[in-house]
Amino acid sequence: MAISKFPNSDAFSETKVLRGFISVLIGNLVQSGVQDFVISPGSRSQALALVAAEFAKKNMANIHVRIDERVAGFFAAGISKIRQSPTVVITTSGTAVANLHPAILEADYSGVPLIFITADRPESLHAIAANQTMRQSGIFSHAVRFES
């Protein structure tokens, strides 16, 4: 009987792939001129926040933590307006995302560049009556330039 070094090697492998993807994403944003990340922490967005914090430790980015998503959105809009460059907002899934809507609308109408990275739940956890769960895809489609 063979024993794996990692009890669930598939999960470990998926975690490594996800972390690599996030590192490339955040790294490309920093290389493209993003200086500030506003983080509204949550369990689903933890990996994003930790990678952004690694760039901050290297003095390659600034991290601002705002518990309330609505405050995070408007705070980021203020930074972007002052710097005249995009600020990234990182948040968790569900209704937390809906709280960004006022800031997204204001940024759209005033031409302020913002980037929102939201950590949605896996599709298998949608429509199962879990609290604070909602369909994120398309929620801001009328006010954003790109969505994935």
N, C-alpha and C. Protein backbone atom coordinates (compact mmCIF):
# COMPACT_ATOMS: atom_id res chain seq x y z
N MET A 1 0.84 -1.17 0.00
CA MET A 1 0.00 0.00 0.00
C MET A 1 0.88 1.24 0.00
N ALA A 2 0.65 2.11 -0.96
CA ALA A 2 1.42 3.36 -1.05
C ALA A 2 0.71 4.46 -0.27
N ILE A 3 1.48 5.27 0.42
CA ILE A 3 0.91 6.39 1.17
C ILE A 3 1.43 7.68 0.57
N SER A 4 0.52 8.53 0.20
CA SER A 4 0.88 9.81 -0.39
C SER A 4 1.41 10.74 0.70
N LYS A 5 2.35 11.57 0.34
CA LYS A 5 2.88 12.57 1.28
C LYS A 5 1.78 13.54 1.69
N PHE A 6 0.89 13.85 0.78
CA PHE A 6 -0.22 14.75 1.06
C PHE A 6 -1.50 13.93 1.02
N PRO A 7 -2.28 13.94 2.11
CA PRO A 7 -3.47 13.11 2.17
C PRO A 7 -4.41 13.32 0.99
N ASN A 8 -4.56 14.53 0.55
CA ASN A 8 -5.44 14.81 -0.58
C ASN A 8 -4.61 15.54 -1.63
N SER A 9 -3.83 14.78 -2.37
CA SER A 9 -2.88 15.40 -3.30
C SER A 9 -3.58 16.17 -4.41
N ASP A 10 -4.82 15.78 -4.79
CA ASP A 10 -5.56 16.53 -5.80
C ASP A 10 -5.88 17.93 -5.30
N ALA A 11 -6.31 18.03 -4.05
CA ALA A 11 -6.61 19.34 -3.48
C ALA A 11 -5.35 20.18 -3.37
N PHE A 12 -4.24 19.55 -2.98
CA PHE A 12 -2.98 20.27 -2.88
C PHE A 12 -2.57 20.80 -4.24
N SER A 13 -2.70 19.98 -5.26
CA SER A 13 -2.35 20.38 -6.62
C SER A 13 -3.24 21.53 -7.10
N GLU A 14 -4.53 21.44 -6.83
CA GLU A 14 -5.45 22.52 -7.21
C GLU A 14 -5.09 23.81 -6.51
N THR A 15 -4.71 23.73 -5.25
CA THR A 15 -4.32 24.91 -4.49
C THR A 15 -3.08 25.57 -5.10
N LYS A 16 -2.11 24.75 -5.48
CA LYS A 16 -0.90 25.28 -6.11
C LYS A 16 -1.22 25.97 -7.43
N VAL A 17 -2.08 25.36 -8.21
CA VAL A 17 -2.46 25.95 -9.50
C VAL A 17 -3.20 27.27 -9.27
N LEU A 18 -4.13 27.28 -8.34
CA LEU A 18 -4.88 28.50 -8.05
C LEU A 18 -3.96 29.61 -7.56
N ARG A 19 -3.05 29.28 -6.66
CA ARG A 19 -2.11 30.28 -6.14
C ARG A 19 -1.22 30.82 -7.26
N GLY A 20 -0.79 29.95 -8.16
CA GLY A 20 0.01 30.39 -9.30
C GLY A 20 -0.77 31.33 -10.19
N PHE A 21 -2.03 31.00 -10.47
CA PHE A 21 -2.87 31.86 -11.29
C PHE A 21 -3.05 33.23 -10.64
N ILE A 22 -3.33 33.23 -9.35
CA ILE A 22 -3.53 34.49 -8.64
C ILE A 22 -2.25 35.32 -8.64
N SER A 23 -1.10 34.68 -8.45
CA SER A 23 0.17 35.40 -8.47
C SER A 23 0.42 36.06 -9.82
N VAL A 24 0.11 35.35 -10.89
CA VAL A 24 0.27 35.92 -12.23
C VAL A 24 -0.71 37.08 -12.43
N LEU A 25 -1.95 36.90 -12.01
CA LEU A 25 -2.96 37.96 -12.15
C LEU A 25 -2.55 39.22 -11.42
N ILE A 26 -2.24 39.10 -10.14
CA ILE A 26 -1.85 40.26 -9.33
C ILE A 26 -0.54 40.86 -9.86
N GLY A 27 0.41 40.00 -10.23
CA GLY A 27 1.67 40.48 -10.78
C GLY A 27 1.48 41.29 -12.05
N ASN A 28 0.62 40.82 -12.92
CA ASN A 28 0.35 41.56 -14.16
C ASN A 28 -0.33 42.90 -13.89
N LEU A 29 -1.21 42.93 -12.91
CA LEU A 29 -1.85 44.20 -12.55
C LEU A 29 -0.80 45.19 -12.03
N VAL A 30 0.10 44.72 -11.18
CA VAL A 30 1.15 45.59 -10.64
C VAL A 30 2.07 46.06 -11.77
N GLN A 31 2.47 45.16 -12.65
CA GLN A 31 3.33 45.54 -13.78
C GLN A 31 2.63 46.51 -14.71
N SER A 32 1.32 46.49 -14.74
CA SER A 32 0.55 47.40 -15.61
C SER A 32 0.31 48.75 -14.96
N GLY A 33 0.81 48.93 -13.74
CA GLY A 33 0.71 50.24 -13.10
C GLY A 33 -0.24 50.33 -11.92
N VAL A 34 -0.91 49.25 -11.56
CA VAL A 34 -1.77 49.29 -10.38
C VAL A 34 -0.89 49.41 -9.14
N GLN A 35 -1.20 50.40 -8.32
CA GLN A 35 -0.42 50.62 -7.10
C GLN A 35 -1.17 50.25 -5.84
N ASP A 36 -2.51 50.29 -5.91
CA ASP A 36 -3.31 50.13 -4.70
C ASP A 36 -4.33 49.01 -4.83
N PHE A 37 -4.44 48.23 -3.76
CA PHE A 37 -5.42 47.17 -3.63
C PHE A 37 -6.24 47.45 -2.37
N VAL A 38 -7.54 47.55 -2.54
CA VAL A 38 -8.44 47.74 -1.40
C VAL A 38 -9.10 46.39 -1.15
N ILE A 39 -8.89 45.86 0.03
CA ILE A 39 -9.37 44.52 0.35
C ILE A 39 -10.50 44.59 1.37
N SER A 40 -11.59 43.98 1.01
CA SER A 40 -12.70 43.78 1.92
C SER A 40 -12.70 42.28 2.23
N PRO A 41 -12.11 41.88 3.34
CA PRO A 41 -11.78 40.48 3.55
C PRO A 41 -12.98 39.55 3.70
N GLY A 42 -12.76 38.32 3.27
CA GLY A 42 -13.74 37.26 3.40
C GLY A 42 -13.06 35.94 3.12
N SER A 43 -13.72 34.86 3.49
CA SER A 43 -13.08 33.55 3.36
C SER A 43 -12.80 33.18 1.90
N ARG A 44 -13.69 33.51 1.00
CA ARG A 44 -13.50 33.13 -0.41
C ARG A 44 -12.40 33.94 -1.09
N SER A 45 -12.13 35.13 -0.61
CA SER A 45 -11.12 35.99 -1.25
C SER A 45 -9.78 35.97 -0.52
N GLN A 46 -9.63 35.08 0.44
CA GLN A 46 -8.41 35.05 1.24
C GLN A 46 -7.16 34.86 0.38
N ALA A 47 -7.19 33.94 -0.58
CA ALA A 47 -6.01 33.69 -1.40
C ALA A 47 -5.61 34.94 -2.18
N LEU A 48 -6.59 35.66 -2.71
CA LEU A 48 -6.32 36.90 -3.44
C LEU A 48 -5.66 37.93 -2.52
N ALA A 49 -6.21 38.07 -1.32
CA ALA A 49 -5.69 39.06 -0.37
C ALA A 49 -4.26 38.71 0.05
N LEU A 50 -3.99 37.45 0.28
CA LEU A 50 -2.65 37.04 0.71
C LEU A 50 -1.61 37.29 -0.37
N VAL A 51 -1.94 37.03 -1.62
CA VAL A 51 -0.99 37.29 -2.70
C VAL A 51 -0.77 38.78 -2.86
N ALA A 52 -1.83 39.57 -2.79
CA ALA A 52 -1.68 41.03 -2.87
C ALA A 52 -0.78 41.53 -1.73
N ALA A 53 -0.94 40.94 -0.55
CA ALA A 53 -0.12 41.33 0.60
C ALA A 53 1.36 41.01 0.37
N GLU A 54 1.64 39.92 -0.36
CA GLU A 54 3.03 39.59 -0.68
C GLU A 54 3.66 40.68 -1.54
N PHE A 55 2.90 41.22 -2.47
CA PHE A 55 3.42 42.32 -3.30
C PHE A 55 3.63 43.58 -2.45
N ALA A 56 2.76 43.79 -1.48
CA ALA A 56 2.92 44.94 -0.59
C ALA A 56 4.18 44.79 0.27
N LYS A 57 4.45 43.58 0.73
CA LYS A 57 5.66 43.34 1.54
C LYS A 57 6.93 43.65 0.76
N LYS A 58 6.87 43.51 -0.55
CA LYS A 58 8.02 43.81 -1.42
C LYS A 58 8.00 45.27 -1.87
N ASN A 59 7.13 46.08 -1.27
CA ASN A 59 6.96 47.50 -1.63
C ASN A 59 6.59 47.69 -3.10
N MET A 60 5.83 46.75 -3.64
CA MET A 60 5.40 46.83 -5.03
C MET A 60 3.94 47.26 -5.14
N ALA A 61 3.25 47.35 -4.00
CA ALA A 61 1.83 47.72 -3.99
C ALA A 61 1.46 48.21 -2.60
N ASN A 62 0.34 48.91 -2.54
CA ASN A 62 -0.20 49.37 -1.27
C ASN A 62 -1.48 48.60 -0.98
N ILE A 63 -1.65 48.18 0.27
CA ILE A 63 -2.84 47.45 0.69
C ILE A 63 -3.65 48.34 1.64
N HIS A 64 -4.94 48.41 1.39
CA HIS A 64 -5.87 49.14 2.26
C HIS A 64 -6.99 48.18 2.60
N VAL A 65 -7.24 47.94 3.87
CA VAL A 65 -8.30 47.02 4.28
C VAL A 65 -9.51 47.82 4.75
N ARG A 66 -10.64 47.52 4.17
CA ARG A 66 -11.91 48.12 4.56
C ARG A 66 -12.92 46.99 4.74
N ILE A 67 -13.45 46.85 5.92
CA ILE A 67 -14.35 45.73 6.24
C ILE A 67 -15.64 45.82 5.43
N ASP A 68 -16.18 46.99 5.30
CA ASP A 68 -17.45 47.20 4.59
C ASP A 68 -17.20 47.35 3.09
N GLU A 69 -17.87 46.54 2.29
CA GLU A 69 -17.65 46.55 0.84
C GLU A 69 -18.05 47.87 0.20
N ARG A 70 -19.12 48.48 0.67
CA ARG A 70 -19.54 49.77 0.11
C ARG A 70 -18.46 50.82 0.35
N VAL A 71 -17.92 50.85 1.55
CA VAL A 71 -16.83 51.76 1.88
C VAL A 71 -15.61 51.44 1.02
N ALA A 72 -15.30 50.16 0.86
CA ALA A 72 -14.14 49.76 0.05
C ALA A 72 -14.27 50.28 -1.38
N GLY A 73 -15.46 50.16 -1.97
CA GLY A 73 -15.68 50.62 -3.34
C GLY A 73 -15.46 52.12 -3.48
N PHE A 74 -16.03 52.89 -2.58
CA PHE A 74 -15.88 54.35 -2.67
C PHE A 74 -14.47 54.80 -2.30
N PHE A 75 -13.85 54.12 -1.35
CA PHE A 75 -12.46 54.43 -0.99
C PHE A 75 -11.56 54.21 -2.21
N ALA A 76 -11.75 53.10 -2.90
CA ALA A 76 -10.96 52.80 -4.10
C ALA A 76 -11.21 53.84 -5.19
N ALA A 77 -12.45 54.26 -5.34
CA ALA A 77 -12.77 55.28 -6.35
C ALA A 77 -12.02 56.58 -6.04
N GLY A 78 -11.93 56.92 -4.78
CA GLY A 78 -11.19 58.12 -4.38
C GLY A 78 -9.71 58.02 -4.71
N ILE A 79 -9.13 56.87 -4.42
CA ILE A 79 -7.71 56.66 -4.75
C ILE A 79 -7.50 56.78 -6.26
N SER A 80 -8.36 56.11 -7.03
CA SER A 80 -8.22 56.15 -8.49
C SER A 80 -8.37 57.55 -9.04
N LYS A 81 -9.28 58.31 -8.46
CA LYS A 81 -9.49 59.68 -8.94
C LYS A 81 -8.26 60.54 -8.67
N ILE A 82 -7.66 60.37 -7.51
CA ILE A 82 -6.47 61.14 -7.17
C ILE A 82 -5.28 60.71 -8.01
N ARG A 83 -5.06 59.41 -8.15
CA ARG A 83 -3.90 58.89 -8.87
C ARG A 83 -4.08 58.88 -10.39
N GLN A 84 -5.33 58.98 -10.84
CA GLN A 84 -5.63 58.88 -12.27
C GLN A 84 -5.16 57.54 -12.85
N SER A 85 -5.28 56.50 -12.04
CA SER A 85 -4.94 55.14 -12.48
C SER A 85 -5.84 54.16 -11.72
N PRO A 86 -5.99 52.97 -12.27
CA PRO A 86 -6.92 52.01 -11.63
C PRO A 86 -6.48 51.57 -10.24
N THR A 87 -7.46 51.36 -9.41
CA THR A 87 -7.29 50.74 -8.10
C THR A 87 -8.07 49.43 -8.16
N VAL A 88 -7.56 48.41 -7.49
CA VAL A 88 -8.21 47.10 -7.47
C VAL A 88 -8.94 46.93 -6.15
N VAL A 89 -10.18 46.46 -6.24
CA VAL A 89 -10.96 46.08 -5.05
C VAL A 89 -11.08 44.57 -5.06
N ILE A 90 -10.71 43.95 -3.96
CA ILE A 90 -10.84 42.50 -3.80
C ILE A 90 -11.87 42.23 -2.73
N THR A 91 -12.84 41.40 -3.06
CA THR A 91 -13.87 41.06 -2.08
C THR A 91 -14.32 39.62 -2.25
N THR A 92 -15.10 39.16 -1.31
CA THR A 92 -15.60 37.80 -1.31
C THR A 92 -16.87 37.71 -2.16
N SER A 93 -17.59 36.64 -2.02
CA SER A 93 -18.72 36.36 -2.90
C SER A 93 -20.06 36.82 -2.32
N GLY A 94 -21.10 36.55 -3.09
CA GLY A 94 -22.47 36.74 -2.63
C GLY A 94 -22.89 38.19 -2.52
N THR A 95 -23.66 38.47 -1.48
CA THR A 95 -24.21 39.81 -1.34
C THR A 95 -23.14 40.86 -1.07
N ALA A 96 -21.95 40.43 -0.65
CA ALA A 96 -20.83 41.38 -0.50
C ALA A 96 -20.58 42.10 -1.81
N VAL A 97 -20.71 41.38 -2.91
CA VAL A 97 -20.48 41.96 -4.23
C VAL A 97 -21.53 43.02 -4.55
N ALA A 98 -22.77 42.76 -4.18
CA ALA A 98 -23.85 43.72 -4.45
C ALA A 98 -23.59 45.06 -3.77
N ASN A 99 -22.90 45.05 -2.66
CA ASN A 99 -22.59 46.29 -1.95
C ASN A 99 -21.62 47.19 -2.71
N LEU A 100 -20.97 46.65 -3.73
CA LEU A 100 -20.07 47.45 -4.56
C LEU A 100 -20.81 48.26 -5.62
N HIS A 101 -22.07 47.94 -5.85
CA HIS A 101 -22.83 48.52 -6.95
C HIS A 101 -22.83 50.06 -6.97
N PRO A 102 -23.10 50.73 -5.85
CA PRO A 102 -23.09 52.21 -5.90
C PRO A 102 -21.75 52.78 -6.37
N ALA A 103 -20.64 52.23 -5.89
CA ALA A 103 -19.32 52.73 -6.30
C ALA A 103 -19.05 52.43 -7.76
N ILE A 104 -19.49 51.29 -8.24
CA ILE A 104 -19.31 50.94 -9.66
C ILE A 104 -20.09 51.90 -10.54
N LEU A 105 -21.30 52.23 -10.15
CA LEU A 105 -22.10 53.18 -10.93
C LEU A 105 -21.45 54.55 -10.95
N GLU A 106 -21.01 55.03 -9.79
CA GLU A 106 -20.36 56.34 -9.71
C GLU A 106 -19.09 56.37 -10.55
N ALA A 107 -18.30 55.30 -10.47
CA ALA A 107 -17.06 55.24 -11.25
C ALA A 107 -17.37 55.24 -12.74
N ASP A 108 -18.39 54.49 -13.13
CA ASP A 108 -18.78 54.44 -14.54
C ASP A 108 -19.20 55.82 -15.04
N TYR A 109 -20.07 56.48 -14.31
CA TYR A 109 -20.57 57.79 -14.75
C TYR A 109 -19.51 58.87 -14.75
N SER A 110 -18.52 58.76 -13.85
CA SER A 110 -17.49 59.80 -13.77
C SER A 110 -16.18 59.41 -14.48
N GLY A 111 -16.13 58.23 -15.06
CA GLY A 111 -14.94 57.83 -15.80
C GLY A 111 -13.75 57.49 -14.94
N VAL A 112 -13.99 57.06 -13.71
CA VAL A 112 -12.91 56.70 -12.79
C VAL A 112 -12.57 55.23 -13.01
N PRO A 113 -11.29 54.92 -13.26
CA PRO A 113 -10.91 53.52 -13.52
C PRO A 113 -10.82 52.67 -12.25
N LEU A 114 -11.60 51.61 -12.21
CA LEU A 114 -11.57 50.67 -11.08
C LEU A 114 -11.54 49.25 -11.62
N ILE A 115 -10.93 48.36 -10.88
CA ILE A 115 -10.92 46.94 -11.20
C ILE A 115 -11.46 46.20 -9.98
N PHE A 116 -12.46 45.37 -10.19
CA PHE A 116 -13.05 44.60 -9.11
C PHE A 116 -12.76 43.13 -9.32
N ILE A 117 -12.19 42.49 -8.31
CA ILE A 117 -11.97 41.05 -8.34
C ILE A 117 -12.80 40.46 -7.21
N THR A 118 -13.80 39.69 -7.60
CA THR A 118 -14.70 39.09 -6.62
C THR A 118 -14.53 37.58 -6.65
N ALA A 119 -14.50 36.97 -5.50
CA ALA A 119 -14.27 35.53 -5.39
C ALA A 119 -15.61 34.81 -5.27
N ASP A 120 -16.16 34.42 -6.39
CA ASP A 120 -17.46 33.75 -6.40
C ASP A 120 -17.34 32.33 -5.86
N ARG A 121 -18.46 31.83 -5.40
CA ARG A 121 -18.53 30.43 -4.96
C ARG A 121 -18.50 29.51 -6.17
N PRO A 122 -18.08 28.28 -5.98
CA PRO A 122 -18.16 27.33 -7.09
C PRO A 122 -19.62 27.16 -7.53
N GLU A 123 -19.82 26.87 -8.78
CA GLU A 123 -21.16 26.71 -9.33
C GLU A 123 -21.98 25.69 -8.53
N SER A 124 -21.33 24.67 -8.01
CA SER A 124 -22.04 23.63 -7.25
C SER A 124 -22.65 24.16 -5.96
N LEU A 125 -22.20 25.32 -5.50
CA LEU A 125 -22.74 25.91 -4.27
C LEU A 125 -23.76 27.02 -4.54
N HIS A 126 -24.15 27.18 -5.79
CA HIS A 126 -25.19 28.15 -6.13
C HIS A 126 -26.55 27.46 -6.03
N ALA A 127 -27.57 28.23 -5.73
CA ALA A 127 -28.96 27.77 -5.72
C ALA A 127 -29.18 26.58 -4.79
N ILE A 128 -28.54 26.61 -3.63
CA ILE A 128 -28.76 25.54 -2.65
C ILE A 128 -29.26 26.12 -1.32
N ALA A 129 -29.77 27.33 -1.36
CA ALA A 129 -30.35 28.01 -0.19
C ALA A 129 -29.31 28.40 0.86
N ALA A 130 -28.06 28.53 0.47
CA ALA A 130 -27.04 29.02 1.40
C ALA A 130 -27.22 30.52 1.58
N ASN A 131 -26.97 31.00 2.80
CA ASN A 131 -27.16 32.43 3.03
C ASN A 131 -26.14 33.26 2.25
N GLN A 132 -26.52 34.44 1.91
CA GLN A 132 -25.69 35.43 1.20
C GLN A 132 -25.17 34.91 -0.14
N THR A 133 -25.88 33.96 -0.73
CA THR A 133 -25.48 33.44 -2.04
C THR A 133 -26.33 34.10 -3.11
N MET A 134 -25.70 34.51 -4.18
CA MET A 134 -26.42 35.10 -5.29
C MET A 134 -25.62 34.89 -6.57
N ARG A 135 -26.28 35.02 -7.66
CA ARG A 135 -25.62 34.92 -8.95
C ARG A 135 -24.83 36.20 -9.19
N GLN A 136 -23.51 36.09 -9.32
CA GLN A 136 -22.66 37.26 -9.55
C GLN A 136 -22.53 37.60 -11.03
N SER A 137 -22.50 36.60 -11.86
CA SER A 137 -22.27 36.80 -13.28
C SER A 137 -23.31 37.76 -13.86
N GLY A 138 -22.81 38.83 -14.47
CA GLY A 138 -23.69 39.79 -15.13
C GLY A 138 -24.28 40.86 -14.23
N ILE A 139 -24.01 40.83 -12.94
CA ILE A 139 -24.65 41.77 -12.02
C ILE A 139 -24.32 43.24 -12.36
N PHE A 140 -23.14 43.49 -12.89
CA PHE A 140 -22.73 44.87 -13.21
C PHE A 140 -22.56 45.10 -14.70
N SER A 141 -23.07 44.22 -15.51
CA SER A 141 -22.77 44.24 -16.95
C SER A 141 -23.08 45.57 -17.63
N HIS A 142 -24.03 46.32 -17.13
CA HIS A 142 -24.38 47.60 -17.75
C HIS A 142 -23.39 48.71 -17.40
N ALA A 143 -22.51 48.48 -16.41
CA ALA A 143 -21.64 49.55 -15.95
C ALA A 143 -20.15 49.19 -16.00
N VAL A 144 -19.81 48.04 -16.54
CA VAL A 144 -18.41 47.64 -16.60
C VAL A 144 -17.96 47.45 -18.04
N ARG A 145 -16.67 47.53 -18.27
CA ARG A 145 -16.13 47.38 -19.62
C ARG A 145 -15.79 45.94 -19.95
N PHE A 146 -15.48 45.14 -18.90
CA PHE A 146 -15.11 43.74 -19.11
C PHE A 146 -15.54 42.95 -17.89
N GLU A 147 -15.99 41.74 -18.14
CA GLU A 147 -16.41 40.86 -17.05
C GLU A 147 -16.05 39.43 -17.43
N SER A 148 -15.58 38.68 -16.45
CA SER A 148 -15.25 37.29 -16.71
C SER A 148 -15.64 36.43 -15.53
